[in-house]
Amino acid sequence: ISGEGKFSFIPNPFFKPGYYFLSLNDSSRADLILNPTEKEITVEFSNLILQEGIKIVSSQENKLLWEYKIISKSANRALKQIYVEKSYIPVPPVNFSDSMQLKFLQQKEDSLIENKMQKLKNICDVWPNTFFAKSTRPAFHQKYSEKALEKKHFFDSVDFSDASLMRSSAFTSGMMDFLQKYTEYNEEGFKESIDTILSKAGKNPEVNEFCLNYLLELFDKVGPDIIFQYLTEKYLIGEGCSENGVSKNFKDKAEAYRLLLPGNKAPDISVNDVDGKNQNLKGIVEKNKVTILFFWSSHCQFCHQAIPEIKDLFLKFQTRGLAVVAISLDENNGDWEKYIFEQKLSWINLCEFKGWKSEPVEKYKIHKTPTFYLLDKSMTILIKPSSVENLKKEVEKYF
């Protein structure tokens, strides 16, 4: 909309059902629901800040939307004040008075949220066939006595077969709530939640692609990188997406990960060993039947747990053609050399002392330690084992 309030649509517009907005600028815009069943929407504005001076003259969809927005705005103001008051109370409370005040504020917060949701439910119950009701219904979750049951039934009210909900917050809010409330914040927890979401979204290819893009963007921005890699390898490379469904940025990143999948040639690198001698990976690999490429750090506890088992493998198959090239992410020469000496690591040890910024880390897209690759003598990646147990099983197949 221009500063004078003038605007026009393209001739014979066709808008799919969903949430849209009219905008004067980034800080002045008003949300609207467009639904083909409503042939006309009449809206009046009395303020250049559109959301502050909007009046819906005709359009049941938008009367419901802005009725709830007023309810929500009032509740959110009260909730904000509660959050401020709670911030002044030590956690955990240091005395009885603080404990009682925290309990009171929590009850007040729960009551406000429950009251807001009840008012939303009342609106939806009266107008069940509106797009507003359909798009907000996923916010209602049945309460269970156990969190595991709540998690299991979290998406029961979400219709993943309905592509029109992509033009609302039904899917995005649902995914974010599920990740925040029912996800263990570790690698396996994130993977489990992602698999659950995309399994549900699989009912509709368009919705599935929408949800995948949302998760790709989320984990690309906030990490952890290992989860973005998991999404890319399993759902973007593994399952595939339509040509126009994923941004070029994600396609480029997916290509980098694809080149590191089994069957491809491993990137060659040259790094100094513990004696200061430059070692070429390809030169090492071509002399052995199979080579374990092991990314680790002397400060990584998970690496400490894996190393004894890798040592057993190495000692068992060393004379039959197994090599181990251990590339450290250490930054301190002394720590690295001390650990190698103490643990008697007699395989080839390499390090650039640049931590996560080293060339091998970049070339092999390392996001965690330990990470393993198993290579044949032609530098072909045989497998990228997910654990040392998986590594042991794969190595033993070759001897």
Protein backbone atom coordinates (compact mmCIF):
# COMPACT_ATOMS: atom_id res chain seq x y z
CA ILE A 1 0.00 0.00 0.00
CA SER A 2 1.37 3.44 -0.85
CA GLY A 3 1.74 6.16 1.74
CA GLU A 4 -1.49 7.70 0.41
CA GLY A 5 -3.35 4.45 1.01
CA LYS A 6 -3.62 3.42 -2.63
CA PHE A 7 -3.21 -0.16 -3.74
CA SER A 8 -4.43 -2.56 -6.40
CA PHE A 9 -4.34 -6.28 -7.08
CA ILE A 10 -3.43 -7.98 -10.33
CA PRO A 11 -6.40 -8.58 -12.66
CA ASN A 12 -8.50 -11.62 -11.75
CA PRO A 13 -6.40 -12.56 -8.74
CA PHE A 14 -6.57 -16.07 -7.36
CA PHE A 15 -5.53 -16.28 -3.73
CA LYS A 16 -5.30 -19.66 -2.07
CA PRO A 17 -6.85 -19.88 1.43
CA GLY A 18 -4.46 -18.62 4.05
CA TYR A 19 -3.01 -15.75 6.06
CA TYR A 20 -1.75 -12.70 4.17
CA PHE A 21 -0.96 -9.13 5.16
CA LEU A 22 -1.42 -5.62 3.86
CA SER A 23 1.60 -3.44 4.50
CA LEU A 24 2.56 0.23 4.41
CA ASN A 25 6.09 -0.63 5.60
CA ASP A 26 7.90 -3.15 7.80
CA SER A 27 6.39 -1.77 11.01
CA SER A 28 2.89 -1.08 9.71
CA ARG A 29 1.01 -4.09 8.48
CA ALA A 30 -2.19 -5.94 9.20
CA ASP A 31 -2.77 -9.69 8.98
CA LEU A 32 -5.78 -10.85 7.01
CA ILE A 33 -7.28 -14.21 6.15
CA LEU A 34 -8.25 -14.68 2.51
CA ASN A 35 -10.76 -17.43 1.87
CA PRO A 36 -12.31 -17.96 -1.59
CA THR A 37 -15.67 -18.62 0.08
CA GLU A 38 -15.73 -14.94 1.04
CA LYS A 39 -16.11 -12.85 -2.10
CA GLU A 40 -15.46 -9.52 -0.43
CA ILE A 41 -13.62 -8.18 2.60
CA THR A 42 -14.30 -4.67 3.89
CA VAL A 43 -11.77 -3.20 6.28
CA GLU A 44 -11.43 0.29 7.72
CA PHE A 45 -8.26 1.81 9.13
CA SER A 46 -8.04 4.80 11.45
CA ASN A 47 -4.29 4.79 12.06
CA LEU A 48 -1.18 4.74 9.88
CA ILE A 49 0.00 1.91 12.12
CA LEU A 50 -2.45 -0.46 10.46
CA GLN A 51 -2.60 -3.08 13.21
CA GLU A 52 -3.48 -0.37 15.76
CA GLY A 53 -6.46 1.06 13.89
CA ILE A 54 -8.11 -1.81 12.07
CA LYS A 55 -11.85 -2.44 11.98
CA ILE A 56 -13.30 -5.41 10.11
CA VAL A 57 -16.58 -4.28 8.53
CA SER A 58 -17.32 -7.47 6.62
CA SER A 59 -15.59 -10.91 6.61
CA GLN A 60 -16.39 -13.44 9.29
CA GLU A 61 -12.93 -14.97 8.95
CA ASN A 62 -11.21 -11.70 9.81
CA LYS A 63 -13.65 -10.74 12.56
CA LEU A 64 -12.67 -13.99 14.29
CA LEU A 65 -8.98 -13.39 13.63
CA TRP A 66 -8.96 -9.89 15.09
CA GLU A 67 -11.26 -10.81 17.97
CA TYR A 68 -8.67 -13.38 19.01
CA LYS A 69 -5.79 -10.98 18.38
CA ILE A 70 -7.30 -8.56 20.91
CA ILE A 71 -7.72 -11.37 23.46
CA SER A 72 -4.17 -12.58 22.82
CA LYS A 73 -2.65 -9.10 23.01
CA SER A 74 -4.25 -8.47 26.40
CA ALA A 75 -3.12 -11.83 27.77
CA ASN A 76 0.41 -11.36 26.43
CA ARG A 77 0.73 -7.99 28.20
CA ALA A 78 -0.18 -9.63 31.48
CA LEU A 79 2.16 -12.55 30.82
CA LYS A 80 5.02 -10.19 30.06
CA GLN A 81 4.56 -8.54 33.45
CA ILE A 82 4.59 -11.94 35.14
CA TYR A 83 7.85 -12.85 33.38
CA VAL A 84 9.40 -9.61 34.65
CA GLU A 85 8.31 -10.33 38.24
CA LYS A 86 9.59 -13.93 38.01
CA SER A 87 13.00 -12.68 36.82
CA TYR A 88 13.57 -11.01 40.21
CA ILE A 89 13.11 -14.27 42.12
CA PRO A 90 16.25 -16.41 42.60
CA VAL A 91 16.16 -19.88 41.02
CA PRO A 92 15.99 -21.98 43.06
CA PRO A 93 14.19 -19.77 45.64
CA VAL A 94 16.34 -18.98 48.68
CA ASN A 95 13.51 -18.66 51.21
CA PHE A 96 9.86 -19.56 51.83
CA SER A 97 8.58 -16.17 50.73
CA ASP A 98 10.33 -16.41 47.35
CA SER A 99 9.06 -19.95 46.92
CA MET A 100 5.44 -18.96 47.58
CA GLN A 101 5.71 -15.91 45.29
CA LEU A 102 7.11 -18.06 42.48
CA LYS A 103 4.31 -20.58 42.94
CA PHE A 104 1.70 -17.81 42.87
CA LEU A 105 3.15 -16.28 39.69
CA GLN A 106 3.33 -19.69 38.01
CA GLN A 107 -0.32 -20.38 38.82
CA LYS A 108 -1.24 -16.94 37.47
CA GLU A 109 0.74 -17.60 34.29
CA ASP A 110 -0.88 -21.03 33.78
CA SER A 111 -4.33 -19.53 34.37
CA LEU A 112 -3.78 -16.76 31.81
CA ILE A 113 -2.58 -19.21 29.16
CA GLU A 114 -5.43 -21.63 29.86
CA ASN A 115 -7.98 -18.80 29.75
CA LYS A 116 -6.59 -17.54 26.43
CA MET A 117 -6.73 -21.02 24.92
CA GLN A 118 -10.25 -21.57 26.22
CA LYS A 119 -11.44 -18.36 24.55
CA LEU A 120 -9.80 -19.47 21.31
CA LYS A 121 -11.51 -22.85 21.61
CA ASN A 122 -14.87 -21.16 22.18
CA ILE A 123 -14.44 -19.14 19.00
CA CYS A 124 -13.53 -22.27 17.03
CA ASP A 125 -16.47 -24.23 18.48
CA VAL A 126 -18.91 -21.56 17.32
CA TRP A 127 -17.34 -21.24 13.84
CA PRO A 128 -15.89 -24.72 13.22
CA ASN A 129 -15.93 -24.56 9.40
CA THR A 130 -13.89 -21.38 9.01
CA PHE A 131 -10.28 -21.33 7.87
CA PHE A 132 -9.48 -19.53 11.13
CA ALA A 133 -10.75 -22.51 13.14
CA LYS A 134 -9.00 -25.02 10.89
CA SER A 135 -5.67 -23.19 11.19
CA THR A 136 -5.80 -22.73 14.97
CA ARG A 137 -7.22 -26.14 15.90
CA PRO A 138 -3.71 -27.71 15.90
CA ALA A 139 -2.89 -25.53 18.93
CA PHE A 140 -5.22 -27.65 21.09
CA HIS A 141 -3.61 -30.68 22.66
CA GLN A 142 -5.27 -33.28 24.83
CA LYS A 143 -3.75 -33.45 28.29
CA TYR A 144 -2.26 -36.71 29.53
CA SER A 145 -0.86 -37.75 32.88
CA GLU A 146 2.46 -38.76 31.31
CA LYS A 147 4.70 -36.61 29.14
CA ALA A 148 5.48 -39.60 26.92
CA LEU A 149 1.80 -39.86 26.00
CA GLU A 150 1.58 -36.13 25.35
CA LYS A 151 4.53 -36.48 22.99
CA LYS A 152 2.99 -39.48 21.24
CA HIS A 153 -0.32 -37.67 20.61
CA PHE A 154 1.09 -34.16 20.07
CA PHE A 155 0.25 -34.03 16.37
CA ASP A 156 -3.16 -35.75 16.59
CA SER A 157 -4.98 -32.48 15.82
CA VAL A 158 -2.70 -31.50 12.92
CA ASP A 159 -3.91 -32.45 9.44
CA PHE A 160 -0.66 -32.87 7.54
CA SER A 161 -2.58 -33.77 4.39
CA ASP A 162 -4.00 -30.23 4.14
CA ALA A 163 -1.60 -28.06 2.12
CA SER A 164 -3.62 -24.90 2.83
CA LEU A 165 -2.26 -24.95 6.39
CA MET A 166 1.15 -24.05 4.96
CA ARG A 167 -0.27 -20.52 4.67
CA SER A 168 -0.80 -20.35 8.42
CA SER A 169 1.33 -20.98 11.50
CA ALA A 170 -0.19 -24.44 12.09
CA PHE A 171 2.81 -26.43 10.89
CA THR A 172 5.62 -24.07 11.88
CA SER A 173 4.31 -23.40 15.40
CA GLY A 174 3.59 -27.09 15.87
CA MET A 175 7.09 -28.13 14.80
CA MET A 176 8.74 -25.51 17.02
CA ASP A 177 6.61 -26.43 20.06
CA PHE A 178 7.41 -30.12 19.55
CA LEU A 179 11.13 -29.43 19.28
CA GLN A 180 11.12 -27.21 22.38
CA LYS A 181 8.87 -29.26 24.67
CA TYR A 182 9.37 -32.89 23.68
CA THR A 183 12.90 -33.14 22.35
CA GLU A 184 15.99 -34.28 24.18
CA TYR A 185 18.62 -31.65 23.36
CA ASN A 186 21.22 -34.05 22.06
CA GLU A 187 21.99 -35.58 18.67
CA GLU A 188 19.75 -38.61 19.00
CA GLY A 189 16.92 -36.55 20.49
CA PHE A 190 16.89 -34.11 17.59
CA LYS A 191 17.06 -36.95 15.06
CA GLU A 192 14.11 -38.72 16.67
CA SER A 193 11.98 -35.56 16.63
CA ILE A 194 12.88 -34.77 13.02
CA ASP A 195 11.97 -38.30 11.96
CA THR A 196 8.64 -38.02 13.79
CA ILE A 197 7.77 -34.69 12.16
CA LEU A 198 8.71 -35.69 8.62
CA SER A 199 6.99 -39.05 8.98
CA LYS A 200 3.76 -37.22 9.85
CA ALA A 201 4.30 -34.72 7.02
CA GLY A 202 4.76 -37.56 4.54
CA LYS A 203 0.99 -37.71 3.99
CA ASN A 204 1.31 -34.88 1.46
CA PRO A 205 4.46 -34.33 -0.70
CA GLU A 206 3.89 -30.57 -0.77
CA VAL A 207 3.55 -30.38 3.02
CA ASN A 208 6.52 -32.69 3.45
CA GLU A 209 8.66 -30.40 1.32
CA PHE A 210 7.43 -27.35 3.27
CA CYS A 211 8.31 -28.95 6.62
CA LEU A 212 11.70 -30.13 5.36
CA ASN A 213 12.56 -26.63 4.16
CA TYR A 214 11.52 -25.16 7.51
CA LEU A 215 13.72 -27.62 9.42
CA LEU A 216 16.65 -27.10 7.05
CA GLU A 217 16.45 -23.36 7.52
CA LEU A 218 16.07 -23.67 11.30
CA PHE A 219 19.06 -25.96 11.86
CA ASP A 220 21.18 -24.16 9.27
CA LYS A 221 20.72 -20.91 11.22
CA VAL A 222 20.86 -22.08 14.83
CA GLY A 223 22.54 -25.51 14.61
CA PRO A 224 23.73 -27.88 15.70
CA ASP A 225 25.47 -28.45 12.35
CA ILE A 226 25.43 -32.21 12.79
CA ILE A 227 21.61 -32.12 12.70
CA PHE A 228 21.58 -30.00 9.54
CA GLN A 229 23.91 -32.60 8.04
CA TYR A 230 21.56 -35.40 9.14
CA LEU A 231 18.59 -33.66 7.52
CA THR A 232 20.55 -33.09 4.33
CA GLU A 233 21.92 -36.61 4.01
CA LYS A 234 18.74 -38.48 4.94
CA TYR A 235 15.95 -36.31 3.57
CA LEU A 236 17.45 -34.05 0.92
CA ILE A 237 19.99 -36.37 -0.67
CA GLY A 238 18.46 -39.66 0.43
CA GLU A 239 14.80 -38.99 -0.27
CA GLY A 240 15.14 -36.16 -2.76
CA CYS A 241 13.15 -32.96 -3.18
CA SER A 242 11.59 -31.39 -6.24
CA GLU A 243 13.92 -29.24 -8.34
CA ASN A 244 12.25 -25.99 -7.31
CA GLY A 245 11.45 -26.97 -3.75
CA VAL A 246 14.78 -26.20 -2.09
CA SER A 247 16.87 -23.04 -2.20
CA LYS A 248 20.16 -22.96 -4.13
CA ASN A 249 21.97 -22.46 -0.83
CA PHE A 250 20.65 -25.78 0.50
CA LYS A 251 21.29 -27.52 -2.83
CA ASP A 252 24.92 -26.38 -2.77
CA LYS A 253 25.36 -27.57 0.82
CA ALA A 254 23.64 -30.85 -0.02
CA GLU A 255 26.06 -31.38 -2.91
CA ALA A 256 29.03 -30.92 -0.56
CA TYR A 257 27.62 -33.59 1.77
CA ARG A 258 26.68 -35.87 -1.14
CA LEU A 259 30.31 -35.98 -2.27
CA LEU A 260 31.24 -37.39 1.14
CA LEU A 261 28.79 -40.29 0.99
CA PRO A 262 29.98 -43.90 0.45
CA GLY A 263 30.98 -44.62 -3.14
CA ASN A 264 32.65 -41.25 -3.69
CA LYS A 265 36.36 -40.48 -3.63
CA ALA A 266 37.57 -39.03 -0.33
CA PRO A 267 39.23 -35.58 -0.47
CA ASP A 268 43.01 -35.74 -0.40
CA ILE A 269 44.86 -33.78 2.29
CA SER A 270 48.43 -33.26 3.39
CA VAL A 271 49.12 -32.61 7.09
CA ASN A 272 52.18 -32.77 9.35
CA ASP A 273 52.57 -35.75 11.66
CA VAL A 274 53.82 -35.83 15.25
CA ASP A 275 57.43 -35.67 14.03
CA GLY A 276 56.74 -32.64 11.86
CA LYS A 277 56.87 -34.66 8.63
CA ASN A 278 54.27 -33.82 5.99
CA GLN A 279 52.02 -36.81 5.27
CA ASN A 280 49.80 -37.18 2.22
CA LEU A 281 46.58 -39.10 2.86
CA LYS A 282 46.38 -40.60 -0.62
CA GLY A 283 49.96 -41.83 -0.33
CA ILE A 284 49.14 -43.60 2.93
CA VAL A 285 45.83 -45.05 1.82
CA GLU A 286 47.08 -46.61 -1.43
CA LYS A 287 49.58 -48.74 0.53
CA ASN A 288 46.88 -50.42 2.65
CA LYS A 289 43.85 -52.62 2.11
CA VAL A 290 41.56 -50.36 4.13
CA THR A 291 42.19 -47.22 6.17
CA ILE A 292 40.29 -45.84 9.13
CA LEU A 293 40.18 -42.04 8.98
CA PHE A 294 39.56 -40.94 12.55
CA PHE A 295 38.80 -37.33 13.56
CA TRP A 296 39.33 -36.77 17.27
CA SER A 297 40.69 -34.47 19.99
CA SER A 298 42.75 -35.10 23.11
CA HIS A 299 40.08 -33.23 25.11
CA CYS A 300 37.11 -35.24 23.76
CA GLN A 301 35.78 -37.72 26.32
CA PHE A 302 33.87 -39.64 23.67
CA CYS A 303 37.13 -40.04 21.76
CA HIS A 304 38.81 -41.36 24.91
CA GLN A 305 36.13 -44.06 25.11
CA ALA A 306 36.53 -45.02 21.44
CA ILE A 307 40.33 -45.09 21.25
CA PRO A 308 40.92 -48.38 23.16
CA GLU A 309 38.58 -50.22 20.79
CA ILE A 310 40.22 -48.67 17.72
CA LYS A 311 43.61 -49.69 19.13
CA ASP A 312 42.38 -53.28 19.45
CA LEU A 313 41.25 -53.22 15.81
CA PHE A 314 44.54 -51.74 14.67
CA LEU A 315 46.68 -54.27 16.55
CA LYS A 316 44.52 -57.15 15.32
CA PHE A 317 44.57 -56.27 11.61
CA GLN A 318 47.62 -54.02 11.18
CA THR A 319 49.77 -56.75 9.60
CA ARG A 320 46.91 -57.70 7.23
CA GLY A 321 46.51 -54.27 5.68
CA LEU A 322 44.63 -52.03 8.10
CA ALA A 323 45.87 -48.48 8.63
CA VAL A 324 44.61 -45.78 10.98
CA VAL A 325 45.06 -42.10 10.18
CA ALA A 326 44.04 -40.04 13.21
CA ILE A 327 43.48 -36.36 12.48
CA SER A 328 43.30 -34.30 15.66
CA LEU A 329 41.34 -31.09 16.18
CA ASP A 330 43.72 -30.05 18.95
CA GLU A 331 45.07 -26.50 19.04
CA ASN A 332 47.81 -27.12 21.60
CA ASN A 333 50.81 -29.15 20.45
CA GLY A 334 51.74 -30.16 24.00
CA ASP A 335 48.33 -31.59 24.88
CA TRP A 336 48.26 -33.55 21.64
CA GLU A 337 51.74 -35.03 21.93
CA LYS A 338 51.27 -35.86 25.62
CA TYR A 339 48.09 -37.84 24.96
CA ILE A 340 49.65 -39.71 22.04
CA PHE A 341 52.66 -40.65 24.18
CA GLU A 342 50.61 -41.65 27.24
CA GLN A 343 48.17 -43.78 25.23
CA LYS A 344 50.89 -45.26 22.97
CA LEU A 345 49.03 -44.36 19.78
CA SER A 346 51.35 -45.91 17.19
CA TRP A 347 49.21 -45.22 14.14
CA ILE A 348 49.67 -42.14 11.94
CA ASN A 349 48.82 -39.01 13.93
CA LEU A 350 48.23 -35.74 12.08
CA CYS A 351 47.26 -32.24 13.24
CA GLU A 352 47.19 -28.65 11.94
CA PHE A 353 46.53 -27.13 15.40
CA LYS A 354 43.70 -25.01 14.00
CA GLY A 355 40.84 -26.81 15.78
CA TRP A 356 37.54 -26.63 13.94
CA LYS A 357 39.04 -24.26 11.35
CA SER A 358 41.53 -26.74 9.94
CA GLU A 359 41.48 -27.77 6.28
CA PRO A 360 40.66 -31.46 6.95
CA VAL A 361 37.68 -30.43 9.10
CA GLU A 362 36.35 -28.22 6.31
CA LYS A 363 36.94 -30.76 3.54
CA TYR A 364 35.30 -33.60 5.45
CA LYS A 365 32.50 -31.47 6.97
CA ILE A 366 33.30 -32.55 10.52
CA HIS A 367 30.74 -31.37 13.08
CA LYS A 368 31.54 -33.67 15.99
CA THR A 369 34.27 -35.89 17.40
CA PRO A 370 34.80 -38.74 17.07
CA THR A 371 33.94 -39.07 13.38
CA PHE A 372 35.02 -42.03 11.26
CA TYR A 373 35.46 -42.76 7.57
CA LEU A 374 36.54 -46.12 6.16
CA LEU A 375 38.48 -45.87 2.88
CA ASP A 376 39.77 -48.47 0.41
CA LYS A 377 43.17 -48.21 -1.25
CA SER A 378 41.73 -46.17 -4.16
CA MET A 379 40.45 -43.48 -1.73
CA THR A 380 36.85 -44.59 -2.21
CA ILE A 381 34.68 -44.02 0.86
CA LEU A 382 33.40 -47.46 1.88
CA ILE A 383 31.27 -46.29 4.78
CA LYS A 384 30.90 -43.50 7.28
CA PRO A 385 30.30 -45.45 10.51
CA SER A 386 27.98 -43.82 13.03
CA SER A 387 29.76 -45.35 16.03
CA VAL A 388 32.86 -47.29 16.98
CA GLU A 389 30.72 -50.45 17.24
CA ASN A 390 29.56 -49.94 13.66
CA LEU A 391 33.17 -49.27 12.63
CA LYS A 392 34.37 -52.57 14.14
CA LYS A 393 31.71 -54.57 12.30
CA GLU A 394 32.57 -52.95 8.97
CA VAL A 395 36.34 -53.35 9.35
CA GLU A 396 36.02 -57.05 10.20
CA LYS A 397 34.20 -57.64 6.88
CA TYR A 398 37.44 -56.95 5.03
CA PHE A 399 39.68 -59.37 6.96
